[in-house]
Amino acid sequence: MKRFGTGPVVAAAVLGLFVLVAVLGPVLVPYDSVATRVGDRLLAPGSTASDGSFALLGTDQNGRDVLAQVIAGSRVSLLVGISVVVAGVLVGLVLGLLAGYYGGWLDTIISRLGDMQLAFPSILLAILLAGALGPSLTNVIVALAVTRWVIFARVVRGSALTTKGREFVESARVMGASDLRILAHYILPSCVQPLLVAATVQVGLTMVAEAALSFLGLGVPVDQASWGSTIANGRDYLASAWWIAAVPGIALTLVVICVGVLGDAARDESDPAKEVVAR
């Protein structure tokens, strides 16, 4: 029986708590994340606001509750991370299957297109697209999905190239199975496990990319809270109000580390060499 170590279990628990807070955040903390209160500017963590509410993590330079901003930002990060990975997986899966199974000129076109994109830094491409599309949650998802599809396409293409020459695929082809049936019933199952491992890793990287775009003012609009925009708002107050930038920064770091730990665990569990050694 496969068993995970303590690290992945703790990481899964932390991520589960993060998801729970993101989903139930407005119920847990009924404060508006973008409501400004000038009289409550730069309150330290644990202070009491002028209306009697408790600012557990303090307030920023506009009197906005930092805890409410972190919770609202977690919803944005979760939505962007999952949406970008799902969109990238769908596009990469289709293109990777076509390139790996049919090969020839189709493989050449898809592979060269991916090579050209990989030659350009993904964060710069995301900045270019986000700047052209404008600040919007949908535009952020589109911009980041464009930078991610090639990663999944290469993973699927490699699995398809390995599987299409196997005996059971050749037998299905001899028996008259159509290309669509072979792709769906024989090639696709072999791509699922490596694709899931790659997707797990990319969730954390996507969250970092979204925070970077929001930090630069190219992410979500100013009327929506985001970890990146909150960090950007607190960069001028690191000496006097460190909690504005530190709290969302710690939250982002913790989530990305936990996602990385789970991605490494999934990769180790799917490593064929591990099965050979176990035998």
Protein backbone atom coordinates (compact mmCIF):
# COMPACT_ATOMS: atom_id res chain seq x y z
CA MET A 1 0.00 0.00 0.00
CA LYS A 2 1.31 3.39 -0.93
CA ARG A 3 1.78 5.68 2.01
CA PHE A 4 2.54 9.36 2.11
CA GLY A 5 4.88 10.96 4.60
CA THR A 6 3.99 13.60 7.13
CA GLY A 7 4.85 16.48 4.80
CA PRO A 8 2.21 15.81 2.13
CA VAL A 9 -0.43 15.14 4.79
CA VAL A 10 0.27 18.47 6.50
CA ALA A 11 0.36 20.22 3.13
CA ALA A 12 -3.01 18.72 2.18
CA ALA A 13 -4.47 19.83 5.51
CA VAL A 14 -3.20 23.39 5.05
CA LEU A 15 -4.55 23.55 1.52
CA GLY A 16 -7.87 22.15 2.69
CA LEU A 17 -8.05 24.92 5.30
CA PHE A 18 -7.16 27.46 2.61
CA VAL A 19 -9.98 26.22 0.37
CA LEU A 20 -12.41 26.21 3.29
CA VAL A 21 -11.53 29.80 4.20
CA ALA A 22 -11.79 30.89 0.56
CA VAL A 23 -15.24 29.34 0.17
CA LEU A 24 -16.67 30.31 3.56
CA GLY A 25 -14.72 33.54 3.98
CA PRO A 26 -17.61 36.03 3.81
CA VAL A 27 -19.47 34.01 6.44
CA LEU A 28 -16.46 33.82 8.78
CA VAL A 29 -15.42 37.47 8.37
CA PRO A 30 -18.42 39.65 7.42
CA TYR A 31 -16.26 42.69 6.63
CA ASP A 32 -16.08 44.39 3.26
CA SER A 33 -12.56 43.91 1.92
CA VAL A 34 -12.64 47.17 -0.07
CA ALA A 35 -14.57 49.40 2.36
CA THR A 36 -12.38 52.31 3.46
CA ARG A 37 -12.46 53.90 6.93
CA VAL A 38 -10.08 56.84 7.14
CA GLY A 39 -10.37 57.00 10.93
CA ASP A 40 -9.05 53.43 11.24
CA ARG A 41 -5.91 53.82 9.14
CA LEU A 42 -2.85 51.64 9.92
CA LEU A 43 -4.30 49.90 12.97
CA ALA A 44 -1.94 47.25 14.34
CA PRO A 45 -3.04 43.60 14.48
CA GLY A 46 -5.36 42.98 17.41
CA SER A 47 -6.69 46.54 17.51
CA THR A 48 -10.31 47.61 17.86
CA ALA A 49 -11.77 49.75 15.09
CA SER A 50 -13.88 52.85 15.62
CA ASP A 51 -17.11 50.90 15.01
CA GLY A 52 -16.19 48.35 17.66
CA SER A 53 -15.10 45.60 15.23
CA PHE A 54 -11.94 43.64 15.95
CA ALA A 55 -9.12 44.02 13.42
CA LEU A 56 -7.37 40.70 13.97
CA LEU A 57 -4.67 41.36 11.34
CA GLY A 58 -4.84 45.15 11.43
CA THR A 59 -5.86 47.61 8.73
CA ASP A 60 -4.08 49.21 5.77
CA GLN A 61 -3.43 52.84 4.88
CA ASN A 62 -7.06 53.29 3.81
CA GLY A 63 -8.57 51.65 6.88
CA ARG A 64 -9.45 48.40 5.07
CA ASP A 65 -9.39 45.22 7.13
CA VAL A 66 -6.34 43.15 6.18
CA LEU A 67 -7.93 39.84 7.18
CA ALA A 68 -10.91 40.55 4.91
CA GLN A 69 -8.52 41.39 2.08
CA VAL A 70 -6.55 38.18 2.59
CA ILE A 71 -9.71 36.07 2.56
CA ALA A 72 -11.07 37.84 -0.53
CA GLY A 73 -7.67 37.49 -2.17
CA SER A 74 -7.67 33.76 -1.45
CA ARG A 75 -10.89 33.42 -3.41
CA VAL A 76 -9.30 35.20 -6.37
CA SER A 77 -6.13 33.10 -6.18
CA LEU A 78 -8.11 29.85 -5.94
CA LEU A 79 -10.39 30.79 -8.83
CA VAL A 80 -7.52 31.90 -11.06
CA GLY A 81 -5.33 28.91 -10.20
CA ILE A 82 -8.01 26.32 -10.92
CA SER A 83 -9.47 28.08 -13.98
CA VAL A 84 -6.09 28.62 -15.64
CA VAL A 85 -4.98 25.03 -15.06
CA VAL A 86 -8.29 23.60 -16.31
CA ALA A 87 -8.20 25.75 -19.45
CA GLY A 88 -4.53 24.96 -20.05
CA VAL A 89 -5.10 21.24 -19.52
CA LEU A 90 -8.00 21.12 -21.97
CA VAL A 91 -6.10 22.93 -24.72
CA GLY A 92 -2.83 21.11 -24.03
CA LEU A 93 -4.59 17.74 -23.88
CA VAL A 94 -6.18 18.12 -27.30
CA LEU A 95 -3.09 19.51 -29.01
CA GLY A 96 -0.76 17.06 -27.28
CA LEU A 97 -2.89 14.06 -28.31
CA LEU A 98 -3.04 15.24 -31.91
CA ALA A 99 0.69 15.92 -32.08
CA GLY A 100 1.74 12.70 -30.38
CA TYR A 101 -0.65 10.34 -32.15
CA TYR A 102 -0.65 11.65 -35.72
CA GLY A 103 2.87 13.11 -35.86
CA GLY A 104 4.03 14.44 -39.22
CA TRP A 105 3.30 18.03 -40.20
CA LEU A 106 0.69 18.42 -37.46
CA ASP A 107 3.25 17.49 -34.80
CA THR A 108 5.77 19.84 -36.39
CA ILE A 109 3.41 22.83 -36.35
CA ILE A 110 2.25 22.29 -32.75
CA SER A 111 5.78 21.57 -31.49
CA ARG A 112 7.34 24.59 -33.23
CA LEU A 113 4.56 26.82 -31.92
CA GLY A 114 5.29 25.56 -28.42
CA ASP A 115 9.03 26.07 -28.89
CA MET A 116 8.49 29.68 -29.94
CA GLN A 117 6.33 30.34 -26.91
CA LEU A 118 8.78 28.68 -24.51
CA ALA A 119 11.58 30.83 -25.93
CA PHE A 120 9.70 33.86 -24.56
CA PRO A 121 9.56 34.15 -20.72
CA SER A 122 6.06 33.20 -19.61
CA ILE A 123 5.69 36.05 -17.11
CA LEU A 124 6.63 38.62 -19.77
CA LEU A 125 4.11 37.09 -22.16
CA ALA A 126 1.46 37.22 -19.42
CA ILE A 127 2.30 40.89 -18.73
CA LEU A 128 2.04 41.68 -22.45
CA LEU A 129 -1.33 39.96 -22.80
CA ALA A 130 -2.74 41.34 -19.54
CA GLY A 131 -1.62 44.84 -20.50
CA ALA A 132 -3.28 44.55 -23.91
CA LEU A 133 -6.52 43.06 -22.55
CA GLY A 134 -6.82 45.34 -19.52
CA PRO A 135 -7.30 44.63 -15.79
CA SER A 136 -10.03 42.03 -15.36
CA LEU A 137 -10.33 38.66 -13.64
CA THR A 138 -11.36 37.03 -16.92
CA ASN A 139 -8.47 38.65 -18.79
CA VAL A 140 -6.00 37.44 -16.16
CA ILE A 141 -7.27 33.87 -16.59
CA VAL A 142 -7.01 34.12 -20.39
CA ALA A 143 -3.51 35.63 -20.27
CA LEU A 144 -2.17 33.00 -17.89
CA ALA A 145 -3.89 30.11 -19.68
CA VAL A 146 -2.13 31.11 -22.92
CA THR A 147 1.22 30.77 -21.14
CA ARG A 148 0.42 27.34 -19.65
CA TRP A 149 -1.07 25.19 -22.43
CA VAL A 150 2.31 24.33 -23.95
CA ILE A 151 3.49 22.68 -20.71
CA PHE A 152 0.54 20.30 -20.67
CA ALA A 153 0.74 19.71 -24.42
CA ARG A 154 4.34 18.52 -24.11
CA VAL A 155 3.48 16.18 -21.25
CA VAL A 156 0.59 14.64 -23.19
CA ARG A 157 2.58 14.44 -26.41
CA GLY A 158 5.35 12.50 -24.69
CA SER A 159 2.88 10.02 -23.19
CA ALA A 160 1.07 9.63 -26.51
CA LEU A 161 4.31 8.96 -28.38
CA THR A 162 5.22 6.25 -25.86
CA THR A 163 1.80 4.60 -25.85
CA LYS A 164 0.86 4.60 -29.54
CA GLY A 165 3.54 2.00 -30.34
CA ARG A 166 2.40 -0.44 -27.64
CA GLU A 167 1.03 -3.85 -28.61
CA PHE A 168 -2.51 -3.27 -27.36
CA VAL A 169 -2.80 -0.10 -29.47
CA GLU A 170 -1.56 -1.92 -32.57
CA SER A 171 -4.02 -4.73 -31.85
CA ALA A 172 -6.90 -2.27 -31.60
CA ARG A 173 -5.87 -0.67 -34.88
CA VAL A 174 -5.71 -4.08 -36.61
CA MET A 175 -9.18 -4.91 -35.28
CA GLY A 176 -10.52 -1.83 -37.05
CA ALA A 177 -10.86 0.58 -34.16
CA SER A 178 -11.18 4.20 -35.27
CA ASP A 179 -8.61 6.83 -34.37
CA LEU A 180 -11.09 8.51 -32.04
CA ARG A 181 -11.72 5.26 -30.16
CA ILE A 182 -8.00 4.55 -29.87
CA LEU A 183 -7.34 8.05 -28.57
CA ALA A 184 -10.18 7.91 -26.06
CA HIS A 185 -9.79 4.36 -24.77
CA TYR A 186 -6.06 3.60 -25.12
CA ILE A 187 -3.97 6.77 -25.46
CA LEU A 188 -5.84 9.12 -23.12
CA PRO A 189 -5.71 6.90 -20.00
CA SER A 190 -1.93 6.76 -20.19
CA CYS A 191 -1.76 10.58 -20.20
CA VAL A 192 -3.93 11.18 -17.15
CA GLN A 193 -1.40 10.50 -14.39
CA PRO A 194 1.50 12.64 -15.71
CA LEU A 195 -1.01 15.34 -16.64
CA LEU A 196 -2.37 15.46 -13.09
CA VAL A 197 1.16 15.74 -11.68
CA ALA A 198 1.95 18.65 -14.00
CA ALA A 199 -1.36 20.33 -13.20
CA THR A 200 -0.71 20.11 -9.46
CA VAL A 201 2.61 21.89 -9.83
CA GLN A 202 1.20 24.55 -12.14
CA VAL A 203 -1.55 25.57 -9.69
CA GLY A 204 1.00 27.09 -7.31
CA LEU A 205 2.97 28.74 -10.12
CA THR A 206 -0.24 30.22 -11.52
CA MET A 207 -1.10 31.75 -8.14
CA VAL A 208 2.32 33.40 -8.03
CA ALA A 209 1.87 34.71 -11.58
CA GLU A 210 -1.56 36.15 -10.73
CA ALA A 211 -0.12 37.86 -7.65
CA ALA A 212 2.69 39.30 -9.80
CA LEU A 213 0.22 40.72 -12.33
CA SER A 214 -1.92 42.22 -9.56
CA PHE A 215 1.20 43.64 -7.93
CA LEU A 216 1.97 45.45 -11.19
CA GLY A 217 -1.61 46.69 -11.54
CA LEU A 218 -2.37 44.38 -14.47
CA GLY A 219 -4.43 41.82 -12.57
CA VAL A 220 -7.87 42.15 -11.03
CA PRO A 221 -9.51 45.62 -10.93
CA VAL A 222 -8.90 47.91 -7.97
CA ASP A 223 -12.39 47.22 -6.62
CA GLN A 224 -11.42 43.58 -5.99
CA ALA A 225 -9.00 42.42 -3.32
CA SER A 226 -6.00 40.36 -4.38
CA TRP A 227 -2.90 39.13 -2.58
CA GLY A 228 -0.67 40.82 -5.14
CA SER A 229 -2.43 44.19 -4.95
CA THR A 230 -2.48 44.06 -1.14
CA ILE A 231 1.28 43.42 -1.09
CA ALA A 232 1.75 46.30 -3.53
CA ASN A 233 -0.31 48.60 -1.29
CA GLY A 234 1.88 47.78 1.70
CA ARG A 235 5.30 48.10 0.09
CA ASP A 236 5.58 51.78 1.11
CA TYR A 237 4.66 50.98 4.72
CA LEU A 238 7.04 48.12 5.49
CA ALA A 239 8.73 50.10 8.27
CA SER A 240 5.59 51.42 9.97
CA ALA A 241 2.87 48.91 9.03
CA TRP A 242 4.60 45.68 8.03
CA TRP A 243 1.46 43.57 8.37
CA ILE A 244 -0.15 45.02 5.22
CA ALA A 245 2.35 43.31 2.90
CA ALA A 246 3.60 40.57 5.24
CA VAL A 247 0.28 38.80 5.90
CA PRO A 248 -0.75 38.18 2.25
CA GLY A 249 2.88 37.45 1.41
CA ILE A 250 3.04 34.75 4.08
CA ALA A 251 -0.29 33.32 2.94
CA LEU A 252 0.87 33.13 -0.68
CA THR A 253 4.20 31.59 0.29
CA LEU A 254 2.54 28.98 2.50
CA VAL A 255 0.04 27.94 -0.16
CA VAL A 256 2.66 27.69 -2.91
CA ILE A 257 4.95 25.60 -0.70
CA CYS A 258 2.10 23.23 0.17
CA VAL A 259 1.14 22.86 -3.49
CA GLY A 260 4.78 22.15 -4.32
CA VAL A 261 5.00 19.49 -1.61
CA LEU A 262 1.89 17.76 -2.93
CA GLY A 263 3.19 18.00 -6.50
CA ASP A 264 6.49 16.39 -5.51
CA ALA A 265 4.64 13.64 -3.64
CA ALA A 266 2.40 12.95 -6.64
CA ARG A 267 5.43 12.85 -8.94
CA ASP A 268 7.26 10.43 -6.66
CA GLU A 269 4.25 8.15 -6.40
CA SER A 270 3.87 8.06 -10.19
CA ASP A 271 7.55 7.37 -10.87
CA PRO A 272 7.85 3.97 -12.60
CA ALA A 273 11.36 3.49 -11.16
CA LYS A 274 9.83 3.43 -7.68
CA GLU A 275 7.68 0.46 -8.63
CA VAL A 276 10.71 -1.38 -10.00
CA VAL A 277 12.67 -0.81 -6.79
CA ALA A 278 9.70 -1.91 -4.67
CA ARG A 279 9.59 -5.21 -6.52
